[in-house]
């Protein structure tokens, strides 16, 4: 059992999702800013401002989530290692499955 039921693969997947969300919202915010500064940008300001606020909220939420999740991942890794001293963590899983036929 991990923190917030995130298993070994849950942290990287969630972190990747937050990073992609941050990058997409930052890119959209930049495109929106370029459009707003262009020659026809003044006419669309009524729709650009609310969408820009939503993008800023998503960027702040993603950045906060990245920081919090990174800290939780480190704490969970340290906490898990302390209480699982008997288990040996293997890079490629069970050794019987990874051995070649001539080694068995």
N, C-alpha and C. Protein backbone atom coordinates (compact mmCIF):
# COMPACT_ATOMS: atom_id res chain seq x y z
N UNK A 1 0.84 -1.18 0.00
CA UNK A 1 0.00 0.00 0.00
C UNK A 1 0.88 1.24 0.00
N UNK A 2 0.65 2.14 -0.90
CA UNK A 2 1.44 3.35 -1.00
C UNK A 2 0.65 4.56 -0.53
N UNK A 3 1.25 5.68 -0.61
CA UNK A 3 0.58 6.91 -0.26
C UNK A 3 -0.44 7.23 -1.33
N UNK A 4 -1.68 7.50 -0.92
CA UNK A 4 -2.79 7.82 -1.83
C UNK A 4 -3.01 6.70 -2.86
N UNK A 5 -2.72 5.47 -2.47
CA UNK A 5 -2.89 4.29 -3.32
C UNK A 5 -2.14 4.39 -4.64
N UNK A 6 -1.08 5.15 -4.69
CA UNK A 6 -0.23 5.21 -5.87
C UNK A 6 0.82 4.12 -5.72
N UNK A 7 0.81 3.19 -6.62
CA UNK A 7 1.78 2.12 -6.56
C UNK A 7 3.07 2.58 -7.22
N UNK A 8 3.94 1.64 -7.50
CA UNK A 8 5.25 1.96 -8.05
C UNK A 8 5.15 2.73 -9.37
N UNK A 9 4.20 2.37 -10.23
CA UNK A 9 4.07 3.03 -11.53
C UNK A 9 3.18 4.26 -11.47
N UNK A 10 2.45 4.47 -10.40
CA UNK A 10 1.50 5.57 -10.32
C UNK A 10 2.16 6.94 -10.29
N UNK A 11 3.27 7.05 -9.59
CA UNK A 11 3.94 8.34 -9.49
C UNK A 11 4.48 8.83 -10.84
N UNK A 12 5.21 8.01 -11.58
CA UNK A 12 5.73 8.50 -12.87
C UNK A 12 4.62 8.84 -13.86
N UNK A 13 3.57 8.03 -13.90
CA UNK A 13 2.47 8.30 -14.83
C UNK A 13 1.75 9.59 -14.48
N UNK A 14 1.49 9.80 -13.20
CA UNK A 14 0.81 11.02 -12.77
C UNK A 14 1.70 12.23 -12.99
N UNK A 15 2.98 12.09 -12.70
CA UNK A 15 3.92 13.19 -12.91
C UNK A 15 4.02 13.55 -14.39
N UNK A 16 4.08 12.55 -15.24
CA UNK A 16 4.12 12.80 -16.68
C UNK A 16 2.86 13.52 -17.16
N UNK A 17 1.71 13.11 -16.65
CA UNK A 17 0.46 13.75 -17.02
C UNK A 17 0.44 15.23 -16.59
N UNK A 18 0.94 15.50 -15.40
CA UNK A 18 0.99 16.89 -14.92
C UNK A 18 1.97 17.73 -15.74
N UNK A 19 3.11 17.16 -16.11
CA UNK A 19 4.09 17.89 -16.91
C UNK A 19 3.52 18.20 -18.30
N UNK A 20 2.86 17.23 -18.91
CA UNK A 20 2.26 17.46 -20.23
C UNK A 20 1.16 18.52 -20.13
N UNK A 21 0.36 18.48 -19.10
CA UNK A 21 -0.68 19.49 -18.90
C UNK A 21 -0.07 20.88 -18.74
N UNK A 22 1.01 20.97 -17.98
CA UNK A 22 1.68 22.26 -17.79
C UNK A 22 2.24 22.78 -19.11
N UNK A 23 2.88 21.91 -19.89
CA UNK A 23 3.46 22.35 -21.15
C UNK A 23 2.40 22.76 -22.17
N UNK A 24 1.31 22.00 -22.24
CA UNK A 24 0.24 22.35 -23.19
C UNK A 24 -0.42 23.66 -22.81
N UNK A 25 -0.72 23.85 -21.54
CA UNK A 25 -1.36 25.10 -21.12
C UNK A 25 -0.41 26.29 -21.28
N UNK A 26 0.88 26.08 -21.07
CA UNK A 26 1.84 27.17 -21.30
C UNK A 26 1.93 27.52 -22.78
N UNK A 27 1.94 26.51 -23.63
CA UNK A 27 1.97 26.75 -25.07
C UNK A 27 0.72 27.47 -25.56
N UNK A 28 -0.44 27.05 -25.07
CA UNK A 28 -1.68 27.72 -25.46
C UNK A 28 -1.72 29.16 -24.96
N UNK A 29 -1.17 29.38 -23.77
CA UNK A 29 -1.13 30.75 -23.24
C UNK A 29 -0.23 31.62 -24.11
N UNK A 30 0.89 31.06 -24.57
CA UNK A 30 1.78 31.82 -25.44
C UNK A 30 1.15 32.12 -26.78
N UNK A 31 0.46 31.15 -27.35
CA UNK A 31 -0.23 31.38 -28.62
C UNK A 31 -1.32 32.44 -28.47
N UNK A 32 -2.02 32.36 -27.36
CA UNK A 32 -3.08 33.33 -27.10
C UNK A 32 -2.50 34.74 -26.93
N UNK A 33 -1.38 34.85 -26.29
CA UNK A 33 -0.74 36.15 -26.10
C UNK A 33 -0.29 36.71 -27.46
N UNK A 34 0.26 35.84 -28.31
CA UNK A 34 0.67 36.30 -29.64
C UNK A 34 -0.53 36.79 -30.46
N UNK A 35 -1.65 36.09 -30.35
CA UNK A 35 -2.85 36.50 -31.07
C UNK A 35 -3.39 37.81 -30.52
N UNK A 36 -3.37 37.96 -29.19
CA UNK A 36 -3.89 39.18 -28.57
C UNK A 36 -3.04 40.40 -28.92
N UNK A 37 -1.75 40.21 -29.12
CA UNK A 37 -0.88 41.33 -29.46
C UNK A 37 -0.87 41.63 -30.96
N UNK A 38 -1.51 40.77 -31.74
CA UNK A 38 -1.55 40.96 -33.18
C UNK A 38 -2.51 42.07 -33.58
N UNK A 39 -2.66 42.31 -34.88
CA UNK A 39 -3.51 43.41 -35.37
C UNK A 39 -4.99 43.20 -35.08
N UNK A 40 -5.47 41.96 -35.03
CA UNK A 40 -6.90 41.74 -34.78
C UNK A 40 -7.16 41.26 -33.37
N UNK A 41 -6.22 41.40 -32.50
CA UNK A 41 -6.35 40.88 -31.15
C UNK A 41 -7.34 41.62 -30.28
N UNK A 42 -7.53 42.89 -30.52
CA UNK A 42 -8.44 43.69 -29.69
C UNK A 42 -9.88 43.25 -29.79
N UNK A 43 -10.28 42.73 -30.93
CA UNK A 43 -11.67 42.33 -31.11
C UNK A 43 -12.01 41.04 -30.37
N UNK A 44 -11.02 40.24 -30.07
CA UNK A 44 -11.28 38.95 -29.43
C UNK A 44 -10.98 38.96 -27.93
N UNK A 45 -10.74 40.10 -27.34
CA UNK A 45 -10.37 40.14 -25.93
C UNK A 45 -11.48 39.65 -25.01
N UNK A 46 -12.73 39.73 -25.45
CA UNK A 46 -13.83 39.27 -24.62
C UNK A 46 -13.76 37.78 -24.33
N UNK A 47 -13.28 37.00 -25.29
CA UNK A 47 -13.17 35.56 -25.09
C UNK A 47 -11.78 35.16 -24.60
N UNK A 48 -10.77 35.95 -24.93
CA UNK A 48 -9.40 35.58 -24.57
C UNK A 48 -9.11 35.72 -23.08
N UNK A 49 -9.72 36.68 -22.43
CA UNK A 49 -9.44 36.90 -21.01
C UNK A 49 -9.95 35.73 -20.15
N UNK A 50 -11.20 35.28 -20.30
CA UNK A 50 -11.63 34.13 -19.47
C UNK A 50 -10.84 32.85 -19.77
N UNK A 51 -10.53 32.61 -21.05
CA UNK A 51 -9.76 31.42 -21.40
C UNK A 51 -8.35 31.54 -20.84
N UNK A 52 -7.78 32.74 -20.86
CA UNK A 52 -6.45 32.96 -20.29
C UNK A 52 -6.42 32.71 -18.80
N UNK A 53 -7.48 33.10 -18.10
CA UNK A 53 -7.55 32.86 -16.65
C UNK A 53 -7.61 31.36 -16.37
N UNK A 54 -8.39 30.65 -17.19
CA UNK A 54 -8.46 29.19 -17.02
C UNK A 54 -7.09 28.57 -17.25
N UNK A 55 -6.39 29.03 -18.28
CA UNK A 55 -5.05 28.49 -18.55
C UNK A 55 -4.09 28.78 -17.40
N UNK A 56 -4.15 29.95 -16.84
CA UNK A 56 -3.28 30.28 -15.71
C UNK A 56 -3.58 29.41 -14.50
N UNK A 57 -4.87 29.15 -14.25
CA UNK A 57 -5.24 28.28 -13.12
C UNK A 57 -4.72 26.87 -13.36
N UNK A 58 -4.83 26.38 -14.59
CA UNK A 58 -4.31 25.04 -14.92
C UNK A 58 -2.80 25.00 -14.77
N UNK A 59 -2.10 26.04 -15.19
CA UNK A 59 -0.64 26.08 -15.06
C UNK A 59 -0.22 26.07 -13.59
N UNK A 60 -0.88 26.88 -12.77
CA UNK A 60 -0.53 26.93 -11.35
C UNK A 60 -0.86 25.59 -10.68
N UNK A 61 -2.01 25.01 -11.01
CA UNK A 61 -2.37 23.72 -10.44
C UNK A 61 -1.41 22.61 -10.84
N UNK A 62 -1.02 22.61 -12.10
CA UNK A 62 -0.08 21.58 -12.57
C UNK A 62 1.28 21.75 -11.90
N UNK A 63 1.77 22.97 -11.84
CA UNK A 63 3.07 23.21 -11.21
C UNK A 63 3.05 22.82 -9.73
N UNK A 64 1.96 23.16 -9.05
CA UNK A 64 1.84 22.78 -7.64
C UNK A 64 1.77 21.27 -7.50
N UNK A 65 1.02 20.63 -8.38
CA UNK A 65 0.93 19.17 -8.35
C UNK A 65 2.26 18.50 -8.60
N UNK A 66 3.06 19.06 -9.52
CA UNK A 66 4.38 18.50 -9.80
C UNK A 66 5.27 18.57 -8.57
N UNK A 67 5.26 19.70 -7.89
CA UNK A 67 6.10 19.87 -6.70
C UNK A 67 5.63 18.92 -5.59
N UNK A 68 4.32 18.90 -5.33
CA UNK A 68 3.79 18.07 -4.24
C UNK A 68 4.01 16.58 -4.55
N UNK A 69 3.76 16.18 -5.78
CA UNK A 69 3.92 14.77 -6.14
C UNK A 69 5.38 14.35 -6.07
N UNK A 70 6.29 15.23 -6.47
CA UNK A 70 7.72 14.90 -6.38
C UNK A 70 8.14 14.70 -4.93
N UNK A 71 7.66 15.55 -4.05
CA UNK A 71 7.98 15.40 -2.62
C UNK A 71 7.38 14.11 -2.07
N UNK A 72 6.12 13.83 -2.41
CA UNK A 72 5.49 12.60 -1.93
C UNK A 72 6.18 11.36 -2.47
N UNK A 73 6.63 11.42 -3.70
CA UNK A 73 7.33 10.28 -4.31
C UNK A 73 8.64 10.00 -3.56
N UNK A 74 9.37 11.07 -3.24
CA UNK A 74 10.62 10.90 -2.49
C UNK A 74 10.35 10.35 -1.09
N UNK A 75 9.33 10.88 -0.42
CA UNK A 75 9.00 10.42 0.93
C UNK A 75 8.57 8.95 0.88
N UNK A 76 7.75 8.60 -0.10
CA UNK A 76 7.28 7.23 -0.21
C UNK A 76 8.43 6.28 -0.52
N UNK A 77 9.36 6.71 -1.36
CA UNK A 77 10.51 5.88 -1.68
C UNK A 77 11.38 5.65 -0.45
N UNK A 78 11.65 6.71 0.31
CA UNK A 78 12.45 6.56 1.52
C UNK A 78 11.72 5.74 2.58
N UNK A 79 10.44 5.99 2.75
CA UNK A 79 9.65 5.27 3.74
C UNK A 79 9.53 3.80 3.36
N UNK A 80 9.34 3.50 2.08
CA UNK A 80 9.22 2.13 1.62
C UNK A 80 10.51 1.35 1.78
N UNK A 81 11.63 1.98 1.55
CA UNK A 81 12.93 1.31 1.69
C UNK A 81 13.22 0.98 3.15
N UNK A 82 12.78 1.85 4.05
CA UNK A 82 13.05 1.64 5.47
C UNK A 82 12.31 0.42 6.00
N UNK A 83 11.07 0.21 5.52
CA UNK A 83 10.25 -0.86 6.06
C UNK A 83 10.28 -2.13 5.22
N UNK A 84 11.01 -2.15 4.14
CA UNK A 84 11.09 -3.33 3.30
C UNK A 84 12.55 -3.78 3.16
N UNK A 85 13.23 -3.92 4.28
CA UNK A 85 14.64 -4.29 4.24
C UNK A 85 14.83 -5.74 3.81
N UNK A 86 13.84 -6.60 4.05
CA UNK A 86 13.98 -8.01 3.71
C UNK A 86 13.84 -8.24 2.21
N UNK A 87 13.10 -7.40 1.53
CA UNK A 87 12.89 -7.57 0.10
C UNK A 87 14.04 -6.94 -0.68
N UNK A 88 14.53 -7.66 -1.64
CA UNK A 88 15.57 -7.14 -2.52
C UNK A 88 14.89 -6.64 -3.78
N UNK A 89 15.11 -5.40 -4.12
CA UNK A 89 14.51 -4.86 -5.33
C UNK A 89 15.39 -5.22 -6.52
N UNK A 90 14.80 -5.88 -7.48
CA UNK A 90 15.54 -6.33 -8.66
C UNK A 90 15.18 -5.45 -9.84
N UNK A 91 16.19 -5.19 -10.64
CA UNK A 91 16.00 -4.33 -11.79
C UNK A 91 15.11 -4.96 -12.85
N UNK A 92 15.29 -6.24 -13.10
CA UNK A 92 14.55 -6.92 -14.16
C UNK A 92 13.54 -7.93 -13.63
N UNK A 93 13.10 -7.78 -12.41
CA UNK A 93 12.09 -8.67 -11.88
C UNK A 93 12.66 -9.96 -11.32
N UNK A 94 11.88 -11.01 -11.40
CA UNK A 94 12.26 -12.31 -10.85
C UNK A 94 13.41 -12.90 -11.66
N UNK A 95 14.41 -13.42 -10.99
CA UNK A 95 15.59 -13.93 -11.69
C UNK A 95 15.28 -15.20 -12.47
N UNK A 96 14.32 -16.00 -12.03
CA UNK A 96 13.99 -17.22 -12.75
C UNK A 96 13.41 -16.91 -14.13
N UNK A 97 12.67 -15.84 -14.25
CA UNK A 97 12.06 -15.47 -15.52
C UNK A 97 13.07 -14.85 -16.49
N UNK A 98 14.13 -14.25 -15.95
CA UNK A 98 15.07 -13.55 -16.81
C UNK A 98 16.27 -14.39 -17.21
N UNK A 99 16.40 -15.57 -16.63
CA UNK A 99 17.53 -16.43 -16.99
C UNK A 99 17.29 -17.07 -18.35
N UNK A 100 18.36 -17.27 -19.05
CA UNK A 100 18.26 -17.99 -20.32
C UNK A 100 18.05 -19.47 -20.05
N UNK A 101 17.62 -20.18 -21.06
CA UNK A 101 17.33 -21.61 -20.88
C UNK A 101 18.58 -22.40 -20.51
N UNK A 102 19.73 -22.04 -21.03
CA UNK A 102 20.95 -22.79 -20.73
C UNK A 102 21.49 -22.50 -19.33
N UNK A 103 21.01 -21.44 -18.67
CA UNK A 103 21.48 -21.10 -17.33
C UNK A 103 20.63 -21.77 -16.25
N UNK A 104 19.45 -22.26 -16.59
CA UNK A 104 18.54 -22.81 -15.57
C UNK A 104 18.96 -24.17 -15.11
